[in-house]
Each structure stands twice: as structure tokens, then as C-alpha cells.
Amino acid sequence: MQNDAPKTLGLTPAQNCASMAELRTAIDALDARLVALLAVRQTYIERAAQLKTGREQVRDPARIEEVVSKVIAEGRKAGLSSDIAEPVWRTLIEASIRHEFDAFDKR
């Protein structure tokens, strides 16, 4: 599947990288952007901890499955294997829930 994201992000498409050094530079740049996006996502997790009225609301199994389903669907559109998308997001969600519990308990 064709993915125009590298061009949109100002990255050299993988198939155009002629060396491992060029690939690693692109991956490092992409990782920096992912970190920045995850930091923004974390602020939303922290806000959720402020808005929820009970600790039992932090873990929402139905919402977890909804998020994972959406991510898998978006991944398919973008050419991301569900074998990568699903475990990555489940890990992200679990870490986010732990962070949200910590934020909830500190309020």
C-alpha cells in the first residue's frame, strides 16, 4: 500500500533511502515526532484524570476496545500491519492507564 506520509512529513521515503545511515536519520526524525505526539497525548490523559469523578472510571474496557479497533482501522488505511498496531496501542493504553491512576491519586 502506498503511503504519502513520508513526503508530507518532509522525510525521504524508505524506498529512496540509499544507506542505513539515511534510513536511521529518517527513523530518528520520525521518532522525535512520535515522542512529541505522545507527550501531547499524555496531557489529555492527565486531563481525563482531573475530569473523572471516580477512580473506577480510569479503566474502561469498552473504551479500550474502541480505541484499539479505531487504531487498527486507521492502520490499515495507512499501511500499518495490525501485528504492529494492536500490541503497540495495547501497551500504550496500559501505560496511559497507569499514568492516569497516578494522576488521579495525586489530585
PDB file of N, CA and C in Angstrom:
ATOM      1  N   MET A   1       0.846  -1.192   0.000  1.00  0.00           N
ATOM      2  CA  MET A   1       0.000   0.000   0.000  1.00  0.00           C
ATOM      3  C   MET A   1       0.881   1.242   0.000  1.00  0.00           C
ATOM      4  N   GLN A   2       0.538   2.191  -0.816  1.00  0.00           N
ATOM      5  CA  GLN A   2       1.265   3.464  -0.915  1.00  0.00           C
ATOM      6  C   GLN A   2       0.908   4.334   0.284  1.00  0.00           C
ATOM      7  N   ASN A   3       1.905   4.920   0.882  1.00  0.00           N
ATOM      8  CA  ASN A   3       1.686   5.829   1.999  1.00  0.00           C
ATOM      9  C   ASN A   3       2.458   7.110   1.705  1.00  0.00           C
ATOM     10  N   ASP A   4       1.739   8.216   1.559  1.00  0.00           N
ATOM     11  CA  ASP A   4       2.358   9.504   1.239  1.00  0.00           C
ATOM     12  C   ASP A   4       2.848  10.243   2.478  1.00  0.00           C
ATOM     13  N   ALA A   5       2.721   9.641   3.647  1.00  0.00           N
ATOM     14  CA  ALA A   5       3.111  10.305   4.881  1.00  0.00           C
ATOM     15  C   ALA A   5       4.568  10.757   4.894  1.00  0.00           C
ATOM     16  N   PRO A   6       5.538   9.953   4.416  1.00  0.00           N
ATOM     17  CA  PRO A   6       6.918  10.443   4.472  1.00  0.00           C
ATOM     18  C   PRO A   6       7.097  11.792   3.773  1.00  0.00           C
ATOM     19  N   LYS A   7       6.526  11.927   2.589  1.00  0.00           N
ATOM     20  CA  LYS A   7       6.643  13.198   1.869  1.00  0.00           C
ATOM     21  C   LYS A   7       5.956  14.313   2.637  1.00  0.00           C
ATOM     22  N   THR A   8       4.770  14.028   3.167  1.00  0.00           N
ATOM     23  CA  THR A   8       4.017  15.017   3.935  1.00  0.00           C
ATOM     24  C   THR A   8       4.803  15.471   5.164  1.00  0.00           C
ATOM     25  N   LEU A   9       5.569  14.548   5.754  1.00  0.00           N
ATOM     26  CA  LEU A   9       6.352  14.856   6.950  1.00  0.00           C
ATOM     27  C   LEU A   9       7.741  15.399   6.629  1.00  0.00           C
ATOM     28  N   GLY A  10       8.037  15.537   5.337  1.00  0.00           N
ATOM     29  CA  GLY A  10       9.349  16.036   4.955  1.00  0.00           C
ATOM     30  C   GLY A  10      10.452  15.001   5.072  1.00  0.00           C
ATOM     31  N   LEU A  11      10.077  13.724   5.060  1.00  0.00           N
ATOM     32  CA  LEU A  11      11.045  12.640   5.171  1.00  0.00           C
ATOM     33  C   LEU A  11      11.299  12.017   3.804  1.00  0.00           C
ATOM     34  N   THR A  12      12.474  11.451   3.643  1.00  0.00           N
ATOM     35  CA  THR A  12      12.770  10.681   2.441  1.00  0.00           C
ATOM     36  C   THR A  12      12.003   9.368   2.533  1.00  0.00           C
ATOM     37  N   PRO A  13      11.216   9.011   1.537  1.00  0.00           N
ATOM     38  CA  PRO A  13      10.525   7.716   1.577  1.00  0.00           C
ATOM     39  C   PRO A  13      11.533   6.574   1.746  1.00  0.00           C
ATOM     40  N   ALA A  14      11.162   5.551   2.477  1.00  0.00           N
ATOM     41  CA  ALA A  14      12.071   4.448   2.784  1.00  0.00           C
ATOM     42  C   ALA A  14      12.706   3.860   1.531  1.00  0.00           C
ATOM     43  N   GLN A  15      11.909   3.685   0.484  1.00  0.00           N
ATOM     44  CA  GLN A  15      12.431   3.065  -0.734  1.00  0.00           C
ATOM     45  C   GLN A  15      13.468   3.949  -1.427  1.00  0.00           C
ATOM     46  N   ASN A  16      13.532   5.218  -1.058  1.00  0.00           N
ATOM     47  CA  ASN A  16      14.511   6.132  -1.652  1.00  0.00           C
ATOM     48  C   ASN A  16      15.767   6.288  -0.803  1.00  0.00           C
ATOM     49  N   CYS A  17      15.793   5.683   0.375  1.00  0.00           N
ATOM     50  CA  CYS A  17      16.983   5.757   1.217  1.00  0.00           C
ATOM     51  C   CYS A  17      18.029   4.795   0.656  1.00  0.00           C
ATOM     52  N   ALA A  18      19.215   5.321   0.413  1.00  0.00           N
ATOM     53  CA  ALA A  18      20.264   4.528  -0.236  1.00  0.00           C
ATOM     54  C   ALA A  18      21.232   3.886   0.743  1.00  0.00           C
ATOM     55  N   SER A  19      21.120   4.221   2.024  1.00  0.00           N
ATOM     56  CA  SER A  19      22.059   3.667   3.009  1.00  0.00           C
ATOM     57  C   SER A  19      21.366   3.492   4.353  1.00  0.00           C
ATOM     58  N   MET A  20      22.000   2.695   5.194  1.00  0.00           N
ATOM     59  CA  MET A  20      21.487   2.540   6.560  1.00  0.00           C
ATOM     60  C   MET A  20      21.546   3.858   7.312  1.00  0.00           C
ATOM     61  N   ALA A  21      22.567   4.655   7.072  1.00  0.00           N
ATOM     62  CA  ALA A  21      22.676   5.948   7.747  1.00  0.00           C
ATOM     63  C   ALA A  21      21.493   6.842   7.388  1.00  0.00           C
ATOM     64  N   GLU A  22      21.104   6.838   6.124  1.00  0.00           N
ATOM     65  CA  GLU A  22      19.964   7.649   5.694  1.00  0.00           C
ATOM     66  C   GLU A  22      18.663   7.128   6.306  1.00  0.00           C
ATOM     67  N   LEU A  23      18.515   5.801   6.338  1.00  0.00           N
ATOM     68  CA  LEU A  23      17.337   5.209   6.985  1.00  0.00           C
ATOM     69  C   LEU A  23      17.275   5.587   8.461  1.00  0.00           C
ATOM     70  N   ARG A  24      18.403   5.471   9.141  1.00  0.00           N
ATOM     71  CA  ARG A  24      18.436   5.765  10.585  1.00  0.00           C
ATOM     72  C   ARG A  24      18.146   7.232  10.863  1.00  0.00           C
ATOM     73  N   THR A  25      18.619   8.102  10.019  1.00  0.00           N
ATOM     74  CA  THR A  25      18.326   9.535  10.177  1.00  0.00           C
ATOM     75  C   THR A  25      16.826   9.777  10.063  1.00  0.00           C
ATOM     76  N   ALA A  26      16.203   9.146   9.075  1.00  0.00           N
ATOM     77  CA  ALA A  26      14.748   9.299   8.899  1.00  0.00           C
ATOM     78  C   ALA A  26      13.991   8.711  10.083  1.00  0.00           C
ATOM     79  N   ILE A  27      14.410   7.540  10.547  1.00  0.00           N
ATOM     80  CA  ILE A  27      13.746   6.911  11.699  1.00  0.00           C
ATOM     81  C   ILE A  27      13.891   7.781  12.938  1.00  0.00           C
ATOM     82  N   ASP A  28      15.090   8.331  13.161  1.00  0.00           N
ATOM     83  CA  ASP A  28      15.301   9.205  14.325  1.00  0.00           C
ATOM     84  C   ASP A  28      14.409  10.446  14.262  1.00  0.00           C
ATOM     85  N   ALA A  29      14.273  11.014  13.075  1.00  0.00           N
ATOM     86  CA  ALA A  29      13.406  12.191  12.918  1.00  0.00           C
ATOM     87  C   ALA A  29      11.950  11.818  13.175  1.00  0.00           C
ATOM     88  N   LEU A  30      11.549  10.674  12.686  1.00  0.00           N
ATOM     89  CA  LEU A  30      10.182  10.209  12.912  1.00  0.00           C
ATOM     90  C   LEU A  30       9.947   9.914  14.391  1.00  0.00           C
ATOM     91  N   ASP A  31      10.911   9.276  15.045  1.00  0.00           N
ATOM     92  CA  ASP A  31      10.794   9.005  16.477  1.00  0.00           C
ATOM     93  C   ASP A  31      10.627  10.295  17.281  1.00  0.00           C
ATOM     94  N   ALA A  32      11.353  11.331  16.917  1.00  0.00           N
ATOM     95  CA  ALA A  32      11.222  12.616  17.623  1.00  0.00           C
ATOM     96  C   ALA A  32       9.805  13.155  17.503  1.00  0.00           C
ATOM     97  N   ARG A  33       9.209  12.999  16.329  1.00  0.00           N
ATOM     98  CA  ARG A  33       7.827  13.460  16.139  1.00  0.00           C
ATOM     99  C   ARG A  33       6.846  12.598  16.928  1.00  0.00           C
ATOM    100  N   LEU A  34       7.092  11.295  16.948  1.00  0.00           N
ATOM    101  CA  LEU A  34       6.221  10.414  17.727  1.00  0.00           C
ATOM    102  C   LEU A  34       6.282  10.758  19.209  1.00  0.00           C
ATOM    103  N   VAL A  35       7.477  11.034  19.717  1.00  0.00           N
ATOM    104  CA  VAL A  35       7.633  11.418  21.121  1.00  0.00           C
ATOM    105  C   VAL A  35       6.843  12.688  21.407  1.00  0.00           C
ATOM    106  N   ALA A  36       6.942  13.663  20.522  1.00  0.00           N
ATOM    107  CA  ALA A  36       6.206  14.919  20.717  1.00  0.00           C
ATOM    108  C   ALA A  36       4.698  14.662  20.738  1.00  0.00           C
ATOM    109  N   LEU A  37       4.217  13.815  19.846  1.00  0.00           N
ATOM    110  CA  LEU A  37       2.781  13.497  19.819  1.00  0.00           C
ATOM    111  C   LEU A  37       2.363  12.730  21.071  1.00  0.00           C
ATOM    112  N   LEU A  38       3.202  11.815  21.530  1.00  0.00           N
ATOM    113  CA  LEU A  38       2.871  11.075  22.747  1.00  0.00           C
ATOM    114  C   LEU A  38       2.850  11.990  23.964  1.00  0.00           C
ATOM    115  N   ALA A  39       3.711  12.990  23.978  1.00  0.00           N
ATOM    116  CA  ALA A  39       3.696  13.958  25.078  1.00  0.00           C
ATOM    117  C   ALA A  39       2.383  14.731  25.087  1.00  0.00           C
ATOM    118  N   VAL A  40       1.884  15.090  23.913  1.00  0.00           N
ATOM    119  CA  VAL A  40       0.584  15.763  23.827  1.00  0.00           C
ATOM    120  C   VAL A  40      -0.514  14.806  24.283  1.00  0.00           C
ATOM    121  N   ARG A  41      -0.449  13.556  23.847  1.00  0.00           N
ATOM    122  CA  ARG A  41      -1.451  12.565  24.260  1.00  0.00           C
ATOM    123  C   ARG A  41      -1.477  12.446  25.788  1.00  0.00           C
ATOM    124  N   GLN A  42      -0.297  12.490  26.390  1.00  0.00           N
ATOM    125  CA  GLN A  42      -0.198  12.392  27.847  1.00  0.00           C
ATOM    126  C   GLN A  42      -0.947  13.524  28.533  1.00  0.00           C
ATOM    127  N   THR A  43      -0.925  14.727  27.957  1.00  0.00           N
ATOM    128  CA  THR A  43      -1.653  15.834  28.589  1.00  0.00           C
ATOM    129  C   THR A  43      -3.153  15.565  28.599  1.00  0.00           C
ATOM    130  N   TYR A  44      -3.656  14.867  27.585  1.00  0.00           N
ATOM    131  CA  TYR A  44      -5.073  14.511  27.550  1.00  0.00           C
ATOM    132  C   TYR A  44      -5.388  13.444  28.593  1.00  0.00           C
ATOM    133  N   ILE A  45      -4.467  12.530  28.790  1.00  0.00           N
ATOM    134  CA  ILE A  45      -4.626  11.501  29.833  1.00  0.00           C
ATOM    135  C   ILE A  45      -4.687  12.181  31.202  1.00  0.00           C
ATOM    136  N   GLU A  46      -3.803  13.135  31.413  1.00  0.00           N
ATOM    137  CA  GLU A  46      -3.780  13.859  32.692  1.00  0.00           C
ATOM    138  C   GLU A  46      -5.062  14.655  32.904  1.00  0.00           C
ATOM    139  N   ARG A  47      -5.585  15.222  31.840  1.00  0.00           N
ATOM    140  CA  ARG A  47      -6.849  15.966  31.952  1.00  0.00           C
ATOM    141  C   ARG A  47      -7.995  15.014  32.254  1.00  0.00           C
ATOM    142  N   ALA A  48      -7.979  13.838  31.653  1.00  0.00           N
ATOM    143  CA  ALA A  48      -9.017  12.846  31.940  1.00  0.00           C
ATOM    144  C   ALA A  48      -9.024  12.502  33.428  1.00  0.00           C
ATOM    145  N   ALA A  49      -7.840  12.405  34.021  1.00  0.00           N
ATOM    146  CA  ALA A  49      -7.752  12.111  35.458  1.00  0.00           C
ATOM    147  C   ALA A  49      -8.391  13.211  36.290  1.00  0.00           C
ATOM    148  N   GLN A  50      -8.361  14.439  35.798  1.00  0.00           N
ATOM    149  CA  GLN A  50      -8.987  15.557  36.510  1.00  0.00           C
ATOM    150  C   GLN A  50     -10.509  15.539  36.344  1.00  0.00           C
ATOM    151  N   LEU A  51     -10.964  15.120  35.174  1.00  0.00           N
ATOM    152  CA  LEU A  51     -12.399  15.170  34.883  1.00  0.00           C
ATOM    153  C   LEU A  51     -13.184  13.996  35.448  1.00  0.00           C
ATOM    154  N   LYS A  52     -12.544  12.862  35.605  1.00  0.00           N
ATOM    155  CA  LYS A  52     -13.252  11.682  36.103  1.00  0.00           C
ATOM    156  C   LYS A  52     -13.548  11.847  37.585  1.00  0.00           C
ATOM    157  N   THR A  53     -14.739  11.450  37.975  1.00  0.00           N
ATOM    158  CA  THR A  53     -15.169  11.653  39.354  1.00  0.00           C
ATOM    159  C   THR A  53     -14.845  10.472  40.265  1.00  0.00           C
ATOM    160  N   GLY A  54     -14.563   9.310  39.680  1.00  0.00           N
ATOM    161  CA  GLY A  54     -14.247   8.140  40.489  1.00  0.00           C
ATOM    162  C   GLY A  54     -13.088   7.361  39.909  1.00  0.00           C
ATOM    163  N   ARG A  55     -12.272   6.781  40.778  1.00  0.00           N
ATOM    164  CA  ARG A  55     -11.104   6.011  40.349  1.00  0.00           C
ATOM    165  C   ARG A  55     -11.504   4.838  39.463  1.00  0.00           C
ATOM    166  N   GLU A  56     -12.682   4.283  39.707  1.00  0.00           N
ATOM    167  CA  GLU A  56     -13.153   3.143  38.912  1.00  0.00           C
ATOM    168  C   GLU A  56     -13.399   3.516  37.447  1.00  0.00           C
ATOM    169  N   GLN A  57     -13.439   4.800  37.146  1.00  0.00           N
ATOM    170  CA  GLN A  57     -13.654   5.261  35.766  1.00  0.00           C
ATOM    171  C   GLN A  57     -12.365   5.278  34.943  1.00  0.00           C
ATOM    172  N   VAL A  58     -11.230   5.119  35.614  1.00  0.00           N
ATOM    173  CA  VAL A  58      -9.955   5.225  34.902  1.00  0.00           C
ATOM    174  C   VAL A  58      -9.813   4.101  33.875  1.00  0.00           C
ATOM    175  N   ARG A  59     -10.090   2.889  34.258  1.00  0.00           N
ATOM    176  CA  ARG A  59     -10.014   1.759  33.316  1.00  0.00           C
ATOM    177  C   ARG A  59     -11.409   1.507  32.760  1.00  0.00           C
ATOM    178  N   ASP A  60     -11.542   1.664  31.446  1.00  0.00           N
ATOM    179  CA  ASP A  60     -12.821   1.489  30.765  1.00  0.00           C
ATOM    180  C   ASP A  60     -12.625   0.456  29.646  1.00  0.00           C
ATOM    181  N   PRO A  61     -12.894  -0.822  29.934  1.00  0.00           N
ATOM    182  CA  PRO A  61     -12.646  -1.875  28.950  1.00  0.00           C
ATOM    183  C   PRO A  61     -13.319  -1.640  27.599  1.00  0.00           C
ATOM    184  N   ALA A  62     -14.531  -1.116  27.598  1.00  0.00           N
ATOM    185  CA  ALA A  62     -15.208  -0.853  26.325  1.00  0.00           C
ATOM    186  C   ALA A  62     -14.458   0.216  25.533  1.00  0.00           C
ATOM    187  N   ARG A  63     -13.992   1.244  26.208  1.00  0.00           N
ATOM    188  CA  ARG A  63     -13.239   2.305  25.536  1.00  0.00           C
ATOM    189  C   ARG A  63     -11.907   1.777  25.010  1.00  0.00           C
ATOM    190  N   ILE A  64     -11.259   0.903  25.763  1.00  0.00           N
ATOM    191  CA  ILE A  64     -10.002   0.307  25.313  1.00  0.00           C
ATOM    192  C   ILE A  64     -10.213  -0.400  23.976  1.00  0.00           C
ATOM    193  N   GLU A  65     -11.242  -1.219  23.906  1.00  0.00           N
ATOM    194  CA  GLU A  65     -11.509  -1.966  22.676  1.00  0.00           C
ATOM    195  C   GLU A  65     -11.896  -1.033  21.533  1.00  0.00           C
ATOM    196  N   GLU A  66     -12.617   0.026  21.846  1.00  0.00           N
ATOM    197  CA  GLU A  66     -12.980   1.017  20.828  1.00  0.00           C
ATOM    198  C   GLU A  66     -11.727   1.675  20.247  1.00  0.00           C
ATOM    199  N   VAL A  67     -10.815   2.074  21.122  1.00  0.00           N
ATOM    200  CA  VAL A  67      -9.579   2.726  20.672  1.00  0.00           C
ATOM    201  C   VAL A  67      -8.760   1.762  19.817  1.00  0.00           C
ATOM    202  N   VAL A  68      -8.601   0.529  20.274  1.00  0.00           N
ATOM    203  CA  VAL A  68      -7.808  -0.441  19.529  1.00  0.00           C
ATOM    204  C   VAL A  68      -8.427  -0.698  18.159  1.00  0.00           C
ATOM    205  N   SER A  69      -9.741  -0.841  18.107  1.00  0.00           N
ATOM    206  CA  SER A  69     -10.415  -1.056  16.817  1.00  0.00           C
ATOM    207  C   SER A  69     -10.190   0.109  15.868  1.00  0.00           C
ATOM    208  N   LYS A  70     -10.306   1.331  16.389  1.00  0.00           N
ATOM    209  CA  LYS A  70     -10.077   2.515  15.553  1.00  0.00           C
ATOM    210  C   LYS A  70      -8.642   2.568  15.046  1.00  0.00           C
ATOM    211  N   VAL A  71      -7.700   2.242  15.906  1.00  0.00           N
ATOM    212  CA  VAL A  71      -6.292   2.281  15.525  1.00  0.00           C
ATOM    213  C   VAL A  71      -5.998   1.235  14.448  1.00  0.00           C
ATOM    214  N   ILE A  72      -6.548   0.048  14.606  1.00  0.00           N
ATOM    215  CA  ILE A  72      -6.334  -0.994  13.599  1.00  0.00           C
ATOM    216  C   ILE A  72      -6.918  -0.553  12.261  1.00  0.00           C
ATOM    217  N   ALA A  73      -8.098   0.029  12.277  1.00  0.00           N
ATOM    218  CA  ALA A  73      -8.727   0.505  11.036  1.00  0.00           C
ATOM    219  C   ALA A  73      -7.896   1.619  10.397  1.00  0.00           C
ATOM    220  N   GLU A  74      -7.445   2.582  11.198  1.00  0.00           N
ATOM    221  CA  GLU A  74      -6.596   3.658  10.672  1.00  0.00           C
ATOM    222  C   GLU A  74      -5.280   3.098  10.160  1.00  0.00           C
ATOM    223  N   GLY A  75      -4.755   2.124  10.886  1.00  0.00           N
ATOM    224  CA  GLY A  75      -3.513   1.490  10.465  1.00  0.00           C
ATOM    225  C   GLY A  75      -3.641   0.834   9.102  1.00  0.00           C
ATOM    226  N   ARG A  76      -4.744   0.145   8.894  1.00  0.00           N
ATOM    227  CA  ARG A  76      -4.970  -0.491   7.586  1.00  0.00           C
ATOM    228  C   ARG A  76      -4.948   0.547   6.470  1.00  0.00           C
ATOM    229  N   LYS A  77      -5.624   1.669   6.703  1.00  0.00           N
ATOM    230  CA  LYS A  77      -5.659   2.738   5.691  1.00  0.00           C
ATOM    231  C   LYS A  77      -4.252   3.266   5.395  1.00  0.00           C
ATOM    232  N   ALA A  78      -3.416   3.326   6.416  1.00  0.00           N
ATOM    233  CA  ALA A  78      -2.077   3.898   6.276  1.00  0.00           C
ATOM    234  C   ALA A  78      -1.023   2.865   5.875  1.00  0.00           C
ATOM    235  N   GLY A  79      -1.422   1.586   5.859  1.00  0.00           N
ATOM    236  CA  GLY A  79      -0.467   0.537   5.514  1.00  0.00           C
ATOM    237  C   GLY A  79       0.285  -0.020   6.708  1.00  0.00           C
ATOM    238  N   LEU A  80      -0.246   0.171   7.911  1.00  0.00           N
ATOM    239  CA  LEU A  80       0.385  -0.341   9.130  1.00  0.00           C
ATOM    240  C   LEU A  80      -0.190  -1.713   9.460  1.00  0.00           C
ATOM    241  N   SER A  81       0.666  -2.677   9.641  1.00  0.00           N
ATOM    242  CA  SER A  81       0.245  -4.028   9.995  1.00  0.00           C
ATOM    243  C   SER A  81      -0.465  -4.025  11.349  1.00  0.00           C
ATOM    244  N   SER A  82      -1.564  -4.753  11.420  1.00  0.00           N
ATOM    245  CA  SER A  82      -2.260  -4.872  12.710  1.00  0.00           C
ATOM    246  C   SER A  82      -1.396  -5.637  13.712  1.00  0.00           C
ATOM    247  N   ASP A  83      -0.433  -6.419  13.224  1.00  0.00           N
ATOM    248  CA  ASP A  83       0.501  -7.122  14.112  1.00  0.00           C
ATOM    249  C   ASP A  83       1.440  -6.150  14.824  1.00  0.00           C
ATOM    250  N   ILE A  84       1.562  -4.953  14.294  1.00  0.00           N
ATOM    251  CA  ILE A  84       2.322  -3.893  14.967  1.00  0.00           C
ATOM    252  C   ILE A  84       1.356  -2.985  15.725  1.00  0.00           C
ATOM    253  N   ALA A  85       0.306  -2.535  15.049  1.00  0.00           N
ATOM    254  CA  ALA A  85      -0.605  -1.548  15.642  1.00  0.00           C
ATOM    255  C   ALA A  85      -1.234  -2.037  16.942  1.00  0.00           C
ATOM    256  N   GLU A  86      -1.790  -3.225  16.929  1.00  0.00           N
ATOM    257  CA  GLU A  86      -2.535  -3.675  18.118  1.00  0.00           C
ATOM    258  C   GLU A  86      -1.656  -3.805  19.360  1.00  0.00           C
ATOM    259  N   PRO A  87      -0.526  -4.535  19.312  1.00  0.00           N
ATOM    260  CA  PRO A  87       0.263  -4.633  20.553  1.00  0.00           C
ATOM    261  C   PRO A  87       0.879  -3.308  20.989  1.00  0.00           C
ATOM    262  N   VAL A  88       1.243  -2.459  20.038  1.00  0.00           N
ATOM    263  CA  VAL A  88       1.800  -1.155  20.407  1.00  0.00           C
ATOM    264  C   VAL A  88       0.749  -0.334  21.142  1.00  0.00           C
ATOM    265  N   TRP A  89      -0.476  -0.310  20.605  1.00  0.00           N
ATOM    266  CA  TRP A  89      -1.516   0.504  21.257  1.00  0.00           C
ATOM    267  C   TRP A  89      -1.971  -0.103  22.564  1.00  0.00           C
ATOM    268  N   ARG A  90      -2.029  -1.410  22.645  1.00  0.00           N
ATOM    269  CA  ARG A  90      -2.407  -2.009  23.932  1.00  0.00           C
ATOM    270  C   ARG A  90      -1.370  -1.676  25.004  1.00  0.00           C
ATOM    271  N   THR A  91      -0.098  -1.694  24.627  1.00  0.00           N
ATOM    272  CA  THR A  91       0.955  -1.311  25.568  1.00  0.00           C
ATOM    273  C   THR A  91       0.837   0.166  25.931  1.00  0.00           C
ATOM    274  N   LEU A  92       0.611   1.002  24.937  1.00  0.00           N
ATOM    275  CA  LEU A  92       0.434   2.440  25.167  1.00  0.00           C
ATOM    276  C   LEU A  92      -0.757   2.700  26.089  1.00  0.00           C
ATOM    277  N   ILE A  93      -1.853   2.020  25.834  1.00  0.00           N
ATOM    278  CA  ILE A  93      -3.056   2.204  26.655  1.00  0.00           C
ATOM    279  C   ILE A  93      -2.790   1.793  28.098  1.00  0.00           C
ATOM    280  N   GLU A  94      -2.145   0.651  28.288  1.00  0.00           N
ATOM    281  CA  GLU A  94      -1.868   0.196  29.661  1.00  0.00           C
ATOM    282  C   GLU A  94      -0.948   1.171  30.392  1.00  0.00           C
ATOM    283  N   ALA A  95       0.081   1.670  29.715  1.00  0.00           N
ATOM    284  CA  ALA A  95       0.967   2.662  30.336  1.00  0.00           C
ATOM    285  C   ALA A  95       0.201   3.947  30.632  1.00  0.00           C
ATOM    286  N   SER A  96      -0.696   4.328  29.735  1.00  0.00           N
ATOM    287  CA  SER A  96      -1.511   5.536  29.932  1.00  0.00           C
ATOM    288  C   SER A  96      -2.452   5.371  31.118  1.00  0.00           C
ATOM    289  N   ILE A  97      -3.018   4.190  31.258  1.00  0.00           N
ATOM    290  CA  ILE A  97      -3.909   3.928  32.397  1.00  0.00           C
ATOM    291  C   ILE A  97      -3.130   4.021  33.703  1.00  0.00           C
ATOM    292  N   ARG A  98      -1.928   3.444  33.739  1.00  0.00           N
ATOM    293  CA  ARG A  98      -1.106   3.550  34.960  1.00  0.00           C
ATOM    294  C   ARG A  98      -0.806   5.012  35.271  1.00  0.00           C
ATOM    295  N   HIS A  99      -0.481   5.782  34.242  1.00  0.00           N
ATOM    296  CA  HIS A  99      -0.194   7.207  34.427  1.00  0.00           C
ATOM    297  C   HIS A  99      -1.445   7.949  34.914  1.00  0.00           C
ATOM    298  N   GLU A 100      -2.582   7.591  34.339  1.00  0.00           N
ATOM    299  CA  GLU A 100      -3.828   8.243  34.749  1.00  0.00           C
ATOM    300  C   GLU A 100      -4.187   7.903  36.193  1.00  0.00           C
ATOM    301  N   PHE A 101      -3.972   6.657  36.602  1.00  0.00           N
ATOM    302  CA  PHE A 101      -4.202   6.294  38.008  1.00  0.00           C
ATOM    303  C   PHE A 101      -3.313   7.147  38.906  1.00  0.00           C
ATOM    304  N   ASP A 102      -2.042   7.282  38.552  1.00  0.00           N
ATOM    305  CA  ASP A 102      -1.122   8.116  39.346  1.00  0.00           C
ATOM    306  C   ASP A 102      -1.615   9.562  39.410  1.00  0.00           C
ATOM    307  N   ALA A 103      -2.025  10.097  38.266  1.00  0.00           N
ATOM    308  CA  ALA A 103      -2.520  11.474  38.235  1.00  0.00           C
ATOM    309  C   ALA A 103      -3.807  11.606  39.046  1.00  0.00           C
ATOM    310  N   PHE A 104      -4.690  10.619  38.942  1.00  0.00           N
ATOM    311  CA  PHE A 104      -5.944  10.653  39.694  1.00  0.00           C
ATOM    312  C   PHE A 104      -5.664  10.649  41.198  1.00  0.00           C
ATOM    313  N   ASP A 105      -4.727   9.795  41.615  1.00  0.00           N
ATOM    314  CA  ASP A 105      -4.424   9.669  43.044  1.00  0.00           C
ATOM    315  C   ASP A 105      -3.730  10.906  43.616  1.00  0.00           C
ATOM    316  N   LYS A 106      -3.109  11.707  42.769  1.00  0.00           N
ATOM    317  CA  LYS A 106      -2.394  12.913  43.244  1.00  0.00           C
ATOM    318  C   LYS A 106      -3.284  14.132  43.342  1.00  0.00           C
ATOM    319  N   ARG A 107      -4.510  14.048  42.861  1.00  0.00           N
ATOM    320  CA  ARG A 107      -5.346  15.252  42.865  1.00  0.00           C
ATOM    321  C   ARG A 107      -5.932  15.552  44.219  1.00  0.00           C
TER     322      ARG A 107
END
